[in-house]
Amino acid sequence: MFKRFFKPKEIELGGINFIIKYTVRKNMKRMLLRVEKKGEIKISLPRSLFLNANSFILEHQEWIIEQHTQLIEPFAEGSVFYFKAKKYLISHHRKPLFIKSSTVFLDPSRAKKQSNAFYTQKAKAYLPKRLEYFRQKMQVEFSELRFYSCKRKWGSCTSQKRITLNPYMMKLNDEMIDYILVHELAHLKHMSHSKDFYAYVQEFIPEYKRIQKEITTLSSIF
């Protein structure tokens, strides 16, 4: 995919100075925002929408500031915690993590460890059963299932038929999780992302294109 980088620019949002880094991608049809470092906004977009980039950033100012805040202190009081695509507000206490109503209570001194344990526990309880459901439906076999937290991938499947799932996919909703599971199982028949691969995925997830786009959008938030 052709990529072209443009000179970064500065912008002030909510009293915070940001650097905007632009990447023009030839085959893109829409704009995609990411806040990956403190004070840095990355925007990928097609050339035809380059002049709309700043207005797009301003439209998403509130979200950008929220992401920036979470990068500085991801488990701050009042920050957002996602589970099954639902937002929970973080509240601090000195006990194990638990959810009550629309609030997640966690220990700020052990927040990362508690968060990892929470998603891993939920993933191991839910994903193997759902994976087995689709495995039987698709009539495929895998050799091993692993869980591994990774920022860039929701899952993978090797040529040795070993499937690895990211516990943090428990942040997503059920149809997104189903798509990821079917996607990895489909690699047991088609290792590359060929037309045959996606035709096979579509047999089990007819609206996979829409779901794929929604996952891409949410990935930039998570």
C-alpha atoms as a PDB file:
ATOM      1  CA  MET A   1       0.000   0.000   0.000  1.00  0.00           C
ATOM      2  CA  PHE A   2       1.418   3.399  -1.034  1.00  0.00           C
ATOM      3  CA  LYS A   3       2.106   5.708   1.913  1.00  0.00           C
ATOM      4  CA  ARG A   4       3.242   9.312   2.046  1.00  0.00           C
ATOM      5  CA  PHE A   5       4.138  11.278   5.160  1.00  0.00           C
ATOM      6  CA  PHE A   6       3.610  15.036   5.475  1.00  0.00           C
ATOM      7  CA  LYS A   7       5.345  17.526   7.742  1.00  0.00           C
ATOM      8  CA  PRO A   8       3.858  17.414  11.278  1.00  0.00           C
ATOM      9  CA  LYS A   9       1.813  20.380  12.494  1.00  0.00           C
ATOM     10  CA  GLU A  10       0.901  21.676  15.928  1.00  0.00           C
ATOM     11  CA  ILE A  11      -2.588  22.212  17.304  1.00  0.00           C
ATOM     12  CA  GLU A  12      -4.011  23.176  20.690  1.00  0.00           C
ATOM     13  CA  LEU A  13      -6.995  21.243  22.030  1.00  0.00           C
ATOM     14  CA  GLY A  14      -8.471  21.950  25.447  1.00  0.00           C
ATOM     15  CA  GLY A  15      -5.352  23.807  26.514  1.00  0.00           C
ATOM     16  CA  ILE A  16      -3.085  20.880  25.525  1.00  0.00           C
ATOM     17  CA  ASN A  17      -0.503  21.211  22.739  1.00  0.00           C
ATOM     18  CA  PHE A  18      -0.528  18.321  20.263  1.00  0.00           C
ATOM     19  CA  ILE A  19       1.644  17.401  17.290  1.00  0.00           C
ATOM     20  CA  ILE A  20      -0.317  16.058  14.323  1.00  0.00           C
ATOM     21  CA  LYS A  21       1.404  13.459  12.159  1.00  0.00           C
ATOM     22  CA  TYR A  22      -0.233  12.858   8.778  1.00  0.00           C
ATOM     23  CA  THR A  23      -0.003   9.682   6.686  1.00  0.00           C
ATOM     24  CA  VAL A  24      -1.663   9.611   3.278  1.00  0.00           C
ATOM     25  CA  ARG A  25      -2.563   6.088   2.127  1.00  0.00           C
ATOM     26  CA  LYS A  26      -3.567   5.571  -1.473  1.00  0.00           C
ATOM     27  CA  ASN A  27      -6.178   2.857  -0.897  1.00  0.00           C
ATOM     28  CA  MET A  28      -7.909   4.386   2.133  1.00  0.00           C
ATOM     29  CA  LYS A  29     -11.491   5.633   1.814  1.00  0.00           C
ATOM     30  CA  ARG A  30     -11.886   7.317   5.216  1.00  0.00           C
ATOM     31  CA  MET A  31      -9.868   8.951   7.969  1.00  0.00           C
ATOM     32  CA  LEU A  32      -8.490   7.137  10.985  1.00  0.00           C
ATOM     33  CA  LEU A  33      -7.299   8.825  14.190  1.00  0.00           C
ATOM     34  CA  ARG A  34      -4.900   7.458  16.810  1.00  0.00           C
ATOM     35  CA  VAL A  35      -3.414   8.953  19.955  1.00  0.00           C
ATOM     36  CA  GLU A  36      -0.421   6.737  20.682  1.00  0.00           C
ATOM     37  CA  LYS A  37       1.950   8.968  22.593  1.00  0.00           C
ATOM     38  CA  LYS A  38       1.535  11.856  25.003  1.00  0.00           C
ATOM     39  CA  GLY A  39       0.772  14.946  22.937  1.00  0.00           C
ATOM     40  CA  GLU A  40       0.860  13.135  19.570  1.00  0.00           C
ATOM     41  CA  ILE A  41      -2.040  12.634  17.168  1.00  0.00           C
ATOM     42  CA  LYS A  42      -1.646  10.323  14.173  1.00  0.00           C
ATOM     43  CA  ILE A  43      -4.100  10.614  11.324  1.00  0.00           C
ATOM     44  CA  SER A  44      -4.188   8.300   8.301  1.00  0.00           C
ATOM     45  CA  LEU A  45      -6.319   9.371   5.369  1.00  0.00           C
ATOM     46  CA  PRO A  46      -6.758   9.314   1.590  1.00  0.00           C
ATOM     47  CA  ARG A  47      -5.274  12.235  -0.375  1.00  0.00           C
ATOM     48  CA  SER A  48      -8.753  13.403  -1.382  1.00  0.00           C
ATOM     49  CA  LEU A  49      -9.601  14.156   2.267  1.00  0.00           C
ATOM     50  CA  PHE A  50      -6.327  15.816   3.267  1.00  0.00           C
ATOM     51  CA  LEU A  51      -7.856  19.309   3.417  1.00  0.00           C
ATOM     52  CA  ASN A  52     -10.542  18.001   5.793  1.00  0.00           C
ATOM     53  CA  ALA A  53      -8.050  16.594   8.287  1.00  0.00           C
ATOM     54  CA  ASN A  54      -8.014  19.486  10.765  1.00  0.00           C
ATOM     55  CA  SER A  55     -11.804  19.818  10.870  1.00  0.00           C
ATOM     56  CA  PHE A  56     -12.012  16.051  11.445  1.00  0.00           C
ATOM     57  CA  ILE A  57      -9.599  16.395  14.373  1.00  0.00           C
ATOM     58  CA  LEU A  58     -11.634  19.260  15.850  1.00  0.00           C
ATOM     59  CA  GLU A  59     -14.820  17.190  15.555  1.00  0.00           C
ATOM     60  CA  HIS A  60     -13.139  14.486  17.650  1.00  0.00           C
ATOM     61  CA  GLN A  61     -11.509  16.860  20.127  1.00  0.00           C
ATOM     62  CA  GLU A  62     -13.275  15.413  23.177  1.00  0.00           C
ATOM     63  CA  TRP A  63     -12.255  11.850  22.272  1.00  0.00           C
ATOM     64  CA  ILE A  64      -8.627  12.905  21.613  1.00  0.00           C
ATOM     65  CA  ILE A  65      -8.352  14.585  25.019  1.00  0.00           C
ATOM     66  CA  GLU A  66      -9.882  11.520  26.689  1.00  0.00           C
ATOM     67  CA  GLN A  67      -7.334   9.245  24.994  1.00  0.00           C
ATOM     68  CA  HIS A  68      -4.497  11.588  25.923  1.00  0.00           C
ATOM     69  CA  THR A  69      -5.599  11.528  29.565  1.00  0.00           C
ATOM     70  CA  GLN A  70      -5.740   7.741  29.581  1.00  0.00           C
ATOM     71  CA  LEU A  71      -2.239   7.521  28.113  1.00  0.00           C
ATOM     72  CA  ILE A  72      -0.904   9.628  30.983  1.00  0.00           C
ATOM     73  CA  GLU A  73      -2.821   7.710  33.650  1.00  0.00           C
ATOM     74  CA  PRO A  74      -4.918   4.885  32.141  1.00  0.00           C
ATOM     75  CA  PHE A  75      -6.446   3.823  35.468  1.00  0.00           C
ATOM     76  CA  ALA A  76      -7.177   7.259  36.894  1.00  0.00           C
ATOM     77  CA  GLU A  77     -10.340   7.806  38.929  1.00  0.00           C
ATOM     78  CA  GLY A  78     -13.185   8.436  36.489  1.00  0.00           C
ATOM     79  CA  SER A  79     -11.363   6.944  33.468  1.00  0.00           C
ATOM     80  CA  VAL A  80     -13.173   4.510  31.187  1.00  0.00           C
ATOM     81  CA  PHE A  81     -12.843   0.716  31.492  1.00  0.00           C
ATOM     82  CA  TYR A  82     -14.326  -1.415  28.681  1.00  0.00           C
ATOM     83  CA  PHE A  83     -15.885  -4.867  28.967  1.00  0.00           C
ATOM     84  CA  LYS A  84     -18.007  -6.431  26.209  1.00  0.00           C
ATOM     85  CA  ALA A  85     -18.176  -2.998  24.495  1.00  0.00           C
ATOM     86  CA  LYS A  86     -19.764  -1.423  27.550  1.00  0.00           C
ATOM     87  CA  LYS A  87     -18.154   1.538  29.311  1.00  0.00           C
ATOM     88  CA  TYR A  88     -17.521   1.434  33.053  1.00  0.00           C
ATOM     89  CA  LEU A  89     -16.111   4.301  35.058  1.00  0.00           C
ATOM     90  CA  ILE A  90     -13.109   3.521  37.239  1.00  0.00           C
ATOM     91  CA  SER A  91     -13.318   4.041  40.977  1.00  0.00           C
ATOM     92  CA  HIS A  92     -10.423   3.375  43.346  1.00  0.00           C
ATOM     93  CA  HIS A  93     -10.349   1.120  46.383  1.00  0.00           C
ATOM     94  CA  ARG A  94      -7.743  -1.167  47.998  1.00  0.00           C
ATOM     95  CA  LYS A  95      -9.356  -4.502  47.204  1.00  0.00           C
ATOM     96  CA  PRO A  96      -9.569  -6.903  44.222  1.00  0.00           C
ATOM     97  CA  LEU A  97     -11.180  -5.649  41.011  1.00  0.00           C
ATOM     98  CA  PHE A  98     -14.938  -6.034  40.708  1.00  0.00           C
ATOM     99  CA  ILE A  99     -17.751  -4.504  38.682  1.00  0.00           C
ATOM    100  CA  LYS A 100     -20.928  -3.101  40.170  1.00  0.00           C
ATOM    101  CA  SER A 101     -23.566  -1.410  38.052  1.00  0.00           C
ATOM    102  CA  SER A 102     -21.688   0.982  35.710  1.00  0.00           C
ATOM    103  CA  THR A 103     -18.545   1.210  37.866  1.00  0.00           C
ATOM    104  CA  VAL A 104     -15.393  -0.892  38.020  1.00  0.00           C
ATOM    105  CA  PHE A 105     -13.571  -0.799  41.334  1.00  0.00           C
ATOM    106  CA  LEU A 106      -9.830  -1.468  41.320  1.00  0.00           C
ATOM    107  CA  ASP A 107      -6.675  -0.858  43.327  1.00  0.00           C
ATOM    108  CA  PRO A 108      -4.633   1.915  41.630  1.00  0.00           C
ATOM    109  CA  SER A 109      -1.367   0.448  42.964  1.00  0.00           C
ATOM    110  CA  ARG A 110      -2.164  -2.890  41.273  1.00  0.00           C
ATOM    111  CA  ALA A 111      -4.423  -1.677  38.473  1.00  0.00           C
ATOM    112  CA  LYS A 112      -2.492  -3.067  35.484  1.00  0.00           C
ATOM    113  CA  LYS A 113      -2.075  -6.477  37.114  1.00  0.00           C
ATOM    114  CA  GLN A 114      -5.753  -6.565  38.142  1.00  0.00           C
ATOM    115  CA  SER A 115      -6.867  -5.497  34.667  1.00  0.00           C
ATOM    116  CA  ASN A 116      -4.753  -8.173  32.936  1.00  0.00           C
ATOM    117  CA  ALA A 117      -6.053 -10.843  35.321  1.00  0.00           C
ATOM    118  CA  PHE A 118      -9.657  -9.730  34.790  1.00  0.00           C
ATOM    119  CA  TYR A 119      -9.534  -9.915  30.985  1.00  0.00           C
ATOM    120  CA  THR A 120      -7.585 -13.181  31.018  1.00  0.00           C
ATOM    121  CA  GLN A 121     -10.087 -14.799  33.392  1.00  0.00           C
ATOM    122  CA  LYS A 122     -13.059 -13.631  31.323  1.00  0.00           C
ATOM    123  CA  ALA A 123     -11.371 -14.709  28.078  1.00  0.00           C
ATOM    124  CA  LYS A 124     -10.558 -18.212  29.330  1.00  0.00           C
ATOM    125  CA  ALA A 125     -14.103 -18.649  30.586  1.00  0.00           C
ATOM    126  CA  TYR A 126     -15.834 -17.451  27.398  1.00  0.00           C
ATOM    127  CA  LEU A 127     -13.620 -17.789  24.317  1.00  0.00           C
ATOM    128  CA  PRO A 128     -12.806 -21.560  24.272  1.00  0.00           C
ATOM    129  CA  LYS A 129     -16.516 -22.464  24.264  1.00  0.00           C
ATOM    130  CA  ARG A 130     -17.277 -19.969  21.525  1.00  0.00           C
ATOM    131  CA  LEU A 131     -14.250 -21.100  19.514  1.00  0.00           C
ATOM    132  CA  GLU A 132     -15.382 -24.708  19.811  1.00  0.00           C
ATOM    133  CA  TYR A 133     -18.859 -23.738  18.588  1.00  0.00           C
ATOM    134  CA  PHE A 134     -17.432 -22.270  15.383  1.00  0.00           C
ATOM    135  CA  ARG A 135     -14.816 -25.024  15.015  1.00  0.00           C
ATOM    136  CA  GLN A 136     -17.590 -27.606  14.810  1.00  0.00           C
ATOM    137  CA  LYS A 137     -19.629 -25.423  12.494  1.00  0.00           C
ATOM    138  CA  MET A 138     -16.652 -24.854  10.166  1.00  0.00           C
ATOM    139  CA  GLN A 139     -15.444 -28.481  10.484  1.00  0.00           C
ATOM    140  CA  VAL A 140     -11.806 -27.587  11.093  1.00  0.00           C
ATOM    141  CA  GLU A 141      -9.198 -28.693  13.635  1.00  0.00           C
ATOM    142  CA  PHE A 142      -6.511 -26.764  15.527  1.00  0.00           C
ATOM    143  CA  SER A 143      -3.644 -28.181  17.570  1.00  0.00           C
ATOM    144  CA  GLU A 144      -3.464 -25.732  20.469  1.00  0.00           C
ATOM    145  CA  LEU A 145      -5.137 -22.656  21.946  1.00  0.00           C
ATOM    146  CA  ARG A 146      -3.078 -19.990  23.684  1.00  0.00           C
ATOM    147  CA  PHE A 147      -3.811 -16.625  25.259  1.00  0.00           C
ATOM    148  CA  TYR A 148      -1.388 -13.737  24.885  1.00  0.00           C
ATOM    149  CA  SER A 149      -1.870  -9.990  25.419  1.00  0.00           C
ATOM    150  CA  CYS A 150      -0.697  -7.970  22.430  1.00  0.00           C
ATOM    151  CA  LYS A 151      -1.373  -4.355  21.540  1.00  0.00           C
ATOM    152  CA  ARG A 152      -1.452  -4.827  17.771  1.00  0.00           C
ATOM    153  CA  LYS A 153      -3.231  -8.166  17.214  1.00  0.00           C
ATOM    154  CA  TRP A 154      -6.513  -9.644  18.395  1.00  0.00           C
ATOM    155  CA  GLY A 155      -5.448 -13.124  17.383  1.00  0.00           C
ATOM    156  CA  SER A 156      -3.265 -15.285  15.155  1.00  0.00           C
ATOM    157  CA  CYS A 157      -3.102 -18.765  13.626  1.00  0.00           C
ATOM    158  CA  THR A 158       0.137 -20.490  12.643  1.00  0.00           C
ATOM    159  CA  SER A 159       0.869 -23.063   9.968  1.00  0.00           C
ATOM    160  CA  GLN A 160       1.183 -25.544  12.848  1.00  0.00           C
ATOM    161  CA  LYS A 161      -2.516 -24.885  13.504  1.00  0.00           C
ATOM    162  CA  ARG A 162      -1.809 -23.117  16.787  1.00  0.00           C
ATOM    163  CA  ILE A 163      -4.353 -20.392  17.605  1.00  0.00           C
ATOM    164  CA  THR A 164      -3.469 -17.490  19.883  1.00  0.00           C
ATOM    165  CA  LEU A 165      -6.132 -15.124  21.206  1.00  0.00           C
ATOM    166  CA  ASN A 166      -5.697 -11.758  22.867  1.00  0.00           C
ATOM    167  CA  PRO A 167      -7.638 -11.672  26.192  1.00  0.00           C
ATOM    168  CA  TYR A 168      -8.282  -7.973  25.611  1.00  0.00           C
ATOM    169  CA  MET A 169     -10.756  -8.863  22.868  1.00  0.00           C
ATOM    170  CA  MET A 170     -13.161  -9.134  25.817  1.00  0.00           C
ATOM    171  CA  LYS A 171     -13.405  -5.364  25.468  1.00  0.00           C
ATOM    172  CA  LEU A 172     -15.346  -5.937  22.231  1.00  0.00           C
ATOM    173  CA  ASN A 173     -18.966  -6.916  21.689  1.00  0.00           C
ATOM    174  CA  ASP A 174     -20.105 -10.459  20.886  1.00  0.00           C
ATOM    175  CA  GLU A 175     -20.317 -10.153  17.098  1.00  0.00           C
ATOM    176  CA  MET A 176     -16.842  -8.641  16.935  1.00  0.00           C
ATOM    177  CA  ILE A 177     -15.474 -11.477  19.059  1.00  0.00           C
ATOM    178  CA  ASP A 178     -17.223 -14.000  16.807  1.00  0.00           C
ATOM    179  CA  TYR A 179     -15.660 -12.422  13.728  1.00  0.00           C
ATOM    180  CA  ILE A 180     -12.140 -12.648  15.213  1.00  0.00           C
ATOM    181  CA  LEU A 181     -12.663 -16.302  16.147  1.00  0.00           C
ATOM    182  CA  VAL A 182     -13.978 -17.194  12.689  1.00  0.00           C
ATOM    183  CA  HIS A 183     -11.150 -15.200  11.097  1.00  0.00           C
ATOM    184  CA  GLU A 184      -8.513 -17.254  12.932  1.00  0.00           C
ATOM    185  CA  LEU A 185     -10.292 -20.560  12.318  1.00  0.00           C
ATOM    186  CA  ALA A 186     -10.549 -19.713   8.615  1.00  0.00           C
ATOM    187  CA  HIS A 187      -6.750 -19.638   8.482  1.00  0.00           C
ATOM    188  CA  LEU A 188      -6.818 -23.372   9.105  1.00  0.00           C
ATOM    189  CA  LYS A 189      -8.078 -23.720   5.526  1.00  0.00           C
ATOM    190  CA  HIS A 190      -6.606 -20.582   3.934  1.00  0.00           C
ATOM    191  CA  MET A 191      -3.406 -19.208   5.483  1.00  0.00           C
ATOM    192  CA  SER A 192      -3.312 -16.033   3.364  1.00  0.00           C
ATOM    193  CA  HIS A 193      -5.921 -13.264   3.222  1.00  0.00           C
ATOM    194  CA  SER A 194      -7.039 -14.295  -0.241  1.00  0.00           C
ATOM    195  CA  LYS A 195     -10.445 -13.955  -1.901  1.00  0.00           C
ATOM    196  CA  ASP A 196     -11.127 -17.572  -0.984  1.00  0.00           C
ATOM    197  CA  PHE A 197     -10.265 -16.805   2.648  1.00  0.00           C
ATOM    198  CA  TYR A 198     -12.765 -13.947   2.896  1.00  0.00           C
ATOM    199  CA  ALA A 199     -15.409 -15.875   0.962  1.00  0.00           C
ATOM    200  CA  TYR A 200     -15.029 -18.616   3.556  1.00  0.00           C
ATOM    201  CA  VAL A 201     -15.283 -16.122   6.443  1.00  0.00           C
ATOM    202  CA  GLN A 202     -18.423 -14.666   4.868  1.00  0.00           C
ATOM    203  CA  GLU A 203     -20.143 -18.046   4.965  1.00  0.00           C
ATOM    204  CA  PHE A 204     -20.196 -17.798   8.761  1.00  0.00           C
ATOM    205  CA  ILE A 205     -20.077 -14.010   9.299  1.00  0.00           C
ATOM    206  CA  PRO A 206     -22.112 -12.502   6.414  1.00  0.00           C
ATOM    207  CA  GLU A 207     -21.529  -8.903   7.575  1.00  0.00           C
ATOM    208  CA  TYR A 208     -17.826  -9.340   8.249  1.00  0.00           C
ATOM    209  CA  LYS A 209     -16.847  -6.191   6.291  1.00  0.00           C
ATOM    210  CA  ARG A 210     -18.958  -3.942   8.522  1.00  0.00           C
ATOM    211  CA  ILE A 211     -17.730  -5.670  11.670  1.00  0.00           C
ATOM    212  CA  GLN A 212     -14.122  -5.443  10.485  1.00  0.00           C
ATOM    213  CA  LYS A 213     -14.452  -1.653  10.088  1.00  0.00           C
ATOM    214  CA  GLU A 214     -16.039  -1.307  13.519  1.00  0.00           C
ATOM    215  CA  ILE A 215     -13.192  -3.274  15.103  1.00  0.00           C
ATOM    216  CA  THR A 216     -10.635  -1.037  13.350  1.00  0.00           C
ATOM    217  CA  THR A 217     -12.381   2.034  14.739  1.00  0.00           C
ATOM    218  CA  LEU A 218     -12.557   0.644  18.275  1.00  0.00           C
ATOM    219  CA  SER A 219      -8.959  -0.574  18.152  1.00  0.00           C
ATOM    220  CA  SER A 220      -7.819   3.046  18.029  1.00  0.00           C
ATOM    221  CA  ILE A 221      -9.837   3.722  21.199  1.00  0.00           C
ATOM    222  CA  PHE A 222      -8.658   0.655  23.126  1.00  0.00           C
END
